[in-house]
Amino acid sequence: MSHSHHQQIDFGRAFALGVLLNTGFIVAEVIFGLFSHSLSLLADAGHNLGDVLGLLMAWAALGLERRSPTRRFTYGLRRTSVLAALFNAILLLVSVGAIALEAVRRIREPAPVAGLTMIWVAASGVVVNGLTAWMFVDGRKNDLNIRGAFLHMAADAAVSAGVVVAGFVILRTGWDLLDPISSLIIVVIILVGTWGLLRDAINLVLDAVPRGIDPGAVKVFLEQLPGVAEIHHLHVWGLSTTETACTAHVVKREPQLDDQLLKQIAHELHDRFGIEHTTIQFERCDGPDCPTEHETHASAHESCD
């Protein structure tokens, strides 16, 4: 059995600053949204509140997943990052439902909107959300938690830019109905950004093979190793949003243990597939049905096709 640990960037400061900036911005949006009768600002404030809660959960999970294993939690609390990503996605879906209902009500009962206030507050949102998204840009490819934070902040920046545009149009045309219409557009943008996060989080909860890893390719690699006759009970799953584990039964033609082969398997699975935790069980191949090395390689090549 071999284990290799993935090195993580410390995003603690990014989370702290992101929560602080967005909390202050939420307060400003609520105050000016009520003052200007802007549903777009209030809707975006509700969405940002969900993002702050999501950032807090992701931040907490980031700390919990680094705790050492215990006798009860032998892998530690790594999967809290998966739960945080799942709760984050669900929270966003609930918030967009509330926004959509209020937008439909406002379409039926239009109210005057202060377009200039919308512009200034939303422009501030572009800066706040854009800066927060930038702080998470380095970790968005390797961690579902960080990707969730990045996507939410980047989407918020884009939404705020849309509110700025809506404010200018309202000032020029007086078409107050554009405010709830832009709120519905916000809902669509959030749903699009949230769907991928929700799908990936559910897959990790169900121990699906993480995205970017082909289990067939993992099996082919193992089958082609020298002295290997067969591979079975191959499992690949995510321990957390950043770490992947793999277990497999490797049937060998020779019964003796092979520490060098174990090291090679762990090293190659890490470098080729990003699998950090590898557990291999060797089994002996007995009897006339044991495939030859030529037959095993031929089967592996057929799997590739």
Protein backbone atom coordinates (compact mmCIF):
# COMPACT_ATOMS: atom_id res chain seq x y z
CA MET A 1 0.00 0.00 0.00
CA SER A 2 1.36 3.40 -0.95
CA HIS A 3 0.17 6.91 -0.20
CA SER A 4 1.23 10.20 -1.75
CA HIS A 5 -0.15 13.51 -0.45
CA HIS A 6 -1.29 16.35 -2.65
CA GLN A 7 0.17 19.76 -1.84
CA GLN A 8 -2.46 22.47 -1.48
CA ILE A 9 -2.24 26.22 -1.74
CA ASP A 10 -3.39 27.98 1.43
CA PHE A 11 -6.51 29.94 0.50
CA GLY A 12 -7.29 30.99 4.09
CA ARG A 13 -6.53 34.66 3.49
CA ALA A 14 -8.50 34.63 0.24
CA PHE A 15 -11.55 33.25 2.04
CA ALA A 16 -11.21 35.76 4.89
CA LEU A 17 -10.89 38.75 2.57
CA GLY A 18 -13.62 37.45 0.27
CA VAL A 19 -16.09 37.05 3.15
CA LEU A 20 -15.25 40.51 4.51
CA LEU A 21 -15.58 42.28 1.15
CA ASN A 22 -18.81 40.52 0.18
CA THR A 23 -20.45 41.04 3.57
CA GLY A 24 -19.81 44.76 3.34
CA PHE A 25 -21.12 44.80 -0.20
CA ILE A 26 -24.29 42.92 0.81
CA VAL A 27 -25.07 45.57 3.42
CA ALA A 28 -24.60 48.31 0.81
CA GLU A 29 -26.79 46.50 -1.73
CA VAL A 30 -29.64 46.02 0.74
CA ILE A 31 -29.56 49.66 1.85
CA PHE A 32 -29.40 51.11 -1.65
CA GLY A 33 -31.72 48.47 -3.08
CA LEU A 34 -34.45 49.45 -0.64
CA PHE A 35 -33.76 53.14 -1.22
CA SER A 36 -33.90 52.81 -5.02
CA HIS A 37 -36.68 50.16 -5.13
CA SER A 38 -34.33 48.01 -7.22
CA LEU A 39 -35.19 44.33 -7.26
CA SER A 40 -31.98 43.64 -9.17
CA LEU A 41 -29.88 44.97 -6.29
CA LEU A 42 -31.92 43.12 -3.66
CA ALA A 43 -31.79 39.93 -5.73
CA ASP A 44 -28.05 40.22 -6.13
CA ALA A 45 -27.73 40.89 -2.38
CA GLY A 46 -29.61 37.65 -1.67
CA HIS A 47 -27.37 35.80 -4.07
CA ASN A 48 -24.26 37.32 -2.49
CA LEU A 49 -25.51 36.27 0.94
CA GLY A 50 -25.67 32.71 -0.34
CA ASP A 51 -22.15 33.10 -1.68
CA VAL A 52 -20.88 34.35 1.69
CA LEU A 53 -22.44 31.35 3.43
CA GLY A 54 -20.92 29.14 0.76
CA LEU A 55 -17.51 30.75 1.26
CA LEU A 56 -17.80 30.20 5.01
CA MET A 57 -18.68 26.52 4.52
CA ALA A 58 -15.89 26.01 2.01
CA TRP A 59 -13.45 27.80 4.32
CA ALA A 60 -14.46 25.61 7.27
CA ALA A 61 -14.19 22.48 5.12
CA LEU A 62 -10.72 23.55 3.97
CA GLY A 63 -9.58 23.49 7.58
CA LEU A 64 -11.43 20.30 8.53
CA GLU A 65 -10.08 18.27 5.60
CA ARG A 66 -6.52 18.94 6.84
CA ARG A 67 -7.16 17.44 10.26
CA SER A 68 -5.22 14.27 11.02
CA PRO A 69 -6.96 10.90 10.81
CA THR A 70 -8.37 9.41 14.01
CA ARG A 71 -9.33 5.90 15.07
CA ARG A 72 -12.92 6.58 14.00
CA PHE A 73 -12.24 8.77 10.96
CA THR A 74 -9.32 6.88 9.45
CA TYR A 75 -9.19 9.15 6.38
CA GLY A 76 -9.58 12.27 8.50
CA LEU A 77 -12.35 14.71 7.56
CA ARG A 78 -11.39 15.16 3.92
CA ARG A 79 -14.93 14.61 2.63
CA THR A 80 -16.22 17.71 4.40
CA SER A 81 -15.01 19.61 1.34
CA VAL A 82 -17.37 17.50 -0.81
CA LEU A 83 -20.30 18.20 1.54
CA ALA A 84 -19.50 21.92 1.49
CA ALA A 85 -19.55 21.97 -2.31
CA LEU A 86 -22.89 20.10 -2.33
CA PHE A 87 -24.51 22.39 0.26
CA ASN A 88 -23.15 25.39 -1.62
CA ALA A 89 -24.85 24.30 -4.83
CA ILE A 90 -28.15 23.52 -3.05
CA LEU A 91 -28.08 26.89 -1.29
CA LEU A 92 -27.69 28.68 -4.60
CA LEU A 93 -30.61 26.80 -6.12
CA VAL A 94 -32.85 27.83 -3.20
CA SER A 95 -31.81 31.47 -3.52
CA VAL A 96 -32.46 31.62 -7.27
CA GLY A 97 -35.93 30.19 -6.71
CA ALA A 98 -36.75 33.06 -4.36
CA ILE A 99 -35.33 35.58 -6.82
CA ALA A 100 -37.38 34.17 -9.69
CA LEU A 101 -40.63 34.31 -7.71
CA GLU A 102 -40.07 37.93 -6.72
CA ALA A 103 -39.10 38.88 -10.27
CA VAL A 104 -42.33 37.41 -11.65
CA ARG A 105 -44.32 39.32 -9.03
CA ARG A 106 -42.55 42.57 -9.97
CA ILE A 107 -43.27 41.99 -13.66
CA ARG A 108 -46.96 41.77 -12.79
CA GLU A 109 -46.74 44.81 -10.49
CA PRO A 110 -44.02 47.13 -11.87
CA ALA A 111 -42.47 49.73 -9.54
CA PRO A 112 -40.22 52.75 -10.27
CA VAL A 113 -36.48 52.18 -10.03
CA ALA A 114 -33.63 54.61 -9.34
CA GLY A 115 -31.34 53.75 -12.23
CA LEU A 116 -28.38 55.90 -11.12
CA THR A 117 -28.23 54.18 -7.73
CA MET A 118 -28.33 50.82 -9.46
CA ILE A 119 -25.35 51.79 -11.59
CA TRP A 120 -23.09 52.93 -8.75
CA VAL A 121 -23.82 50.03 -6.41
CA ALA A 122 -23.59 47.40 -9.16
CA ALA A 123 -20.32 48.93 -10.43
CA SER A 124 -18.94 48.47 -6.91
CA GLY A 125 -20.06 44.85 -7.16
CA VAL A 126 -18.03 44.34 -10.31
CA VAL A 127 -14.91 45.41 -8.38
CA VAL A 128 -15.66 43.42 -5.20
CA ASN A 129 -16.69 40.20 -6.92
CA GLY A 130 -14.01 40.45 -9.59
CA LEU A 131 -11.30 40.87 -6.95
CA THR A 132 -12.65 37.94 -4.92
CA ALA A 133 -12.79 35.70 -8.01
CA TRP A 134 -9.22 36.64 -8.90
CA MET A 135 -8.01 35.43 -5.47
CA PHE A 136 -9.31 31.92 -6.24
CA VAL A 137 -8.20 31.68 -9.87
CA ASP A 138 -5.12 29.55 -9.12
CA GLY A 139 -7.08 26.79 -7.40
CA ARG A 140 -10.13 26.51 -9.64
CA LYS A 141 -8.84 23.53 -11.67
CA ASN A 142 -7.76 21.26 -8.82
CA ASP A 143 -10.35 21.76 -6.07
CA LEU A 144 -14.14 21.65 -6.42
CA ASN A 145 -14.49 23.89 -3.37
CA ILE A 146 -12.22 26.53 -4.81
CA ARG A 147 -13.84 26.17 -8.23
CA GLY A 148 -17.22 26.78 -6.64
CA ALA A 149 -15.95 29.95 -4.96
CA PHE A 150 -14.34 31.14 -8.17
CA LEU A 151 -17.39 30.46 -10.35
CA HIS A 152 -19.76 32.20 -7.96
CA MET A 153 -17.62 35.30 -7.66
CA ALA A 154 -16.94 35.46 -11.39
CA ALA A 155 -20.65 35.05 -12.13
CA ASP A 156 -21.47 37.75 -9.60
CA ALA A 157 -19.07 40.12 -11.30
CA ALA A 158 -20.74 39.43 -14.64
CA VAL A 159 -24.20 39.84 -13.12
CA SER A 160 -23.22 43.14 -11.53
CA ALA A 161 -21.98 44.30 -14.91
CA GLY A 162 -25.39 43.37 -16.32
CA VAL A 163 -27.12 45.44 -13.63
CA VAL A 164 -24.95 48.41 -14.62
CA VAL A 165 -26.13 48.05 -18.20
CA ALA A 166 -29.77 47.74 -17.05
CA GLY A 167 -29.40 50.89 -14.97
CA PHE A 168 -28.15 52.89 -17.95
CA VAL A 169 -31.03 51.62 -20.09
CA ILE A 170 -33.56 52.55 -17.41
CA LEU A 171 -32.07 56.04 -17.14
CA ARG A 172 -32.27 56.55 -20.91
CA THR A 173 -35.66 54.95 -21.56
CA GLY A 174 -37.52 54.95 -18.25
CA TRP A 175 -38.39 51.28 -18.83
CA ASP A 176 -38.60 50.08 -15.21
CA LEU A 177 -39.72 46.62 -16.31
CA LEU A 178 -36.13 45.93 -17.31
CA ASP A 179 -35.24 45.58 -13.61
CA PRO A 180 -37.22 42.34 -12.96
CA ILE A 181 -36.34 41.09 -16.44
CA SER A 182 -32.64 41.47 -15.64
CA SER A 183 -33.32 39.61 -12.36
CA LEU A 184 -34.60 36.64 -14.34
CA ILE A 185 -31.47 36.79 -16.48
CA ILE A 186 -29.46 36.69 -13.24
CA VAL A 187 -31.37 33.52 -12.29
CA VAL A 188 -30.47 31.83 -15.58
CA ILE A 189 -26.78 32.75 -15.22
CA ILE A 190 -26.66 31.39 -11.67
CA LEU A 191 -28.39 28.16 -12.70
CA VAL A 192 -25.94 27.58 -15.53
CA GLY A 193 -22.96 28.16 -13.25
CA THR A 194 -24.40 26.06 -10.43
CA TRP A 195 -25.36 22.98 -12.46
CA GLY A 196 -21.80 21.79 -13.05
CA LEU A 197 -20.93 22.31 -9.38
CA LEU A 198 -24.01 20.37 -8.25
CA ARG A 199 -23.33 17.51 -10.69
CA ASP A 200 -19.69 17.14 -9.67
CA ALA A 201 -20.50 17.33 -5.95
CA ILE A 202 -23.19 14.64 -6.23
CA ASN A 203 -20.80 12.43 -8.21
CA LEU A 204 -18.18 12.72 -5.47
CA VAL A 205 -20.75 11.95 -2.76
CA LEU A 206 -21.70 8.79 -4.70
CA ASP A 207 -18.02 7.77 -5.04
CA ALA A 208 -18.04 8.19 -8.82
CA VAL A 209 -14.74 8.29 -10.67
CA PRO A 210 -13.56 11.93 -10.58
CA ARG A 211 -13.70 13.93 -13.78
CA GLY A 212 -10.55 13.74 -15.87
CA ILE A 213 -9.73 10.14 -14.91
CA ASP A 214 -10.50 7.26 -17.27
CA PRO A 215 -10.79 4.01 -15.26
CA GLY A 216 -10.36 2.03 -18.47
CA ALA A 217 -7.00 3.70 -19.04
CA VAL A 218 -6.01 2.95 -15.44
CA LYS A 219 -6.83 -0.73 -15.95
CA VAL A 220 -4.94 -0.88 -19.24
CA PHE A 221 -1.87 0.65 -17.57
CA LEU A 222 -1.96 -1.90 -14.75
CA GLU A 223 -2.48 -4.83 -17.12
CA GLN A 224 0.59 -3.89 -19.13
CA LEU A 225 2.94 -3.97 -16.14
CA PRO A 226 5.55 -6.77 -16.25
CA GLY A 227 4.46 -9.96 -14.53
CA VAL A 228 0.79 -8.95 -14.27
CA ALA A 229 -1.75 -11.51 -15.52
CA GLU A 230 -5.04 -9.82 -14.65
CA ILE A 231 -6.66 -6.85 -12.91
CA HIS A 232 -9.96 -6.99 -11.05
CA HIS A 233 -11.82 -5.15 -8.26
CA LEU A 234 -10.49 -1.86 -9.58
CA HIS A 235 -12.06 1.16 -7.82
CA VAL A 236 -11.27 4.85 -8.27
CA TRP A 237 -13.03 7.52 -6.18
CA GLY A 238 -12.53 10.94 -4.64
CA LEU A 239 -11.43 11.13 -1.01
CA SER A 240 -12.06 14.88 -1.10
CA THR A 241 -12.37 17.62 -3.68
CA THR A 242 -8.60 17.48 -4.22
CA GLU A 243 -7.52 13.88 -3.54
CA THR A 244 -8.25 10.67 -5.43
CA ALA A 245 -7.89 7.10 -4.21
CA CYS A 246 -7.52 3.81 -6.07
CA THR A 247 -7.69 0.18 -5.00
CA ALA A 248 -7.10 -2.87 -7.19
CA HIS A 249 -6.42 -6.59 -7.05
CA VAL A 250 -3.37 -7.37 -9.19
CA VAL A 251 -3.04 -11.01 -10.24
CA LYS A 252 0.64 -11.95 -10.72
CA ARG A 253 2.17 -14.93 -12.43
CA GLU A 254 4.77 -15.21 -9.67
CA PRO A 255 3.60 -15.49 -6.05
CA GLN A 256 6.29 -13.39 -4.34
CA LEU A 257 5.78 -9.78 -3.25
CA ASP A 258 7.39 -7.05 -5.34
CA ASP A 259 8.07 -3.83 -3.44
CA GLN A 260 9.59 -2.22 -6.51
CA LEU A 261 6.44 -2.90 -8.52
CA LEU A 262 4.32 -1.40 -5.74
CA LYS A 263 6.40 1.77 -5.81
CA GLN A 264 6.20 1.91 -9.61
CA ILE A 265 2.41 1.55 -9.55
CA ALA A 266 1.96 4.30 -6.95
CA HIS A 267 4.35 6.63 -8.76
CA GLU A 268 2.86 6.08 -12.21
CA LEU A 269 -0.76 6.38 -11.03
CA HIS A 270 0.12 9.68 -9.38
CA ASP A 271 1.99 11.12 -12.36
CA ARG A 272 -0.35 9.84 -15.09
CA PHE A 273 -3.75 10.11 -13.44
CA GLY A 274 -3.33 12.34 -10.38
CA ILE A 275 -4.20 9.50 -7.97
CA GLU A 276 -2.66 10.25 -4.57
CA HIS A 277 -3.73 7.21 -2.51
CA THR A 278 -3.10 3.75 -3.95
CA THR A 279 -3.84 0.39 -2.34
CA ILE A 280 -2.77 -2.73 -4.25
CA GLN A 281 -3.51 -6.34 -3.30
CA PHE A 282 -1.36 -8.95 -5.03
CA GLU A 283 -2.90 -12.32 -5.91
CA ARG A 284 -1.32 -15.45 -7.34
CA CYS A 285 -2.37 -16.75 -10.73
CA ASP A 286 -2.70 -20.52 -10.59
CA GLY A 287 -3.70 -23.21 -13.06
CA PRO A 288 -3.70 -23.61 -16.81
CA ASP A 289 -6.19 -20.76 -17.28
CA CYS A 290 -3.63 -18.18 -16.19
CA PRO A 291 -3.04 -15.95 -19.25
CA THR A 292 0.44 -15.56 -20.66
CA GLU A 293 2.14 -12.19 -20.83
CA HIS A 294 1.44 -12.03 -24.58
CA GLU A 295 -2.27 -12.73 -24.05
CA THR A 296 -2.54 -10.09 -21.33
CA HIS A 297 -0.92 -7.43 -23.49
CA ALA A 298 -3.16 -8.33 -26.41
CA SER A 299 -6.25 -7.97 -24.19
CA ALA A 300 -5.00 -4.61 -22.97
CA HIS A 301 -4.51 -3.37 -26.52
CA GLU A 302 -8.02 -4.50 -27.41
CA SER A 303 -9.37 -2.48 -24.49
CA CYS A 304 -7.70 0.60 -25.89
CA ASP A 305 -9.50 0.29 -29.23
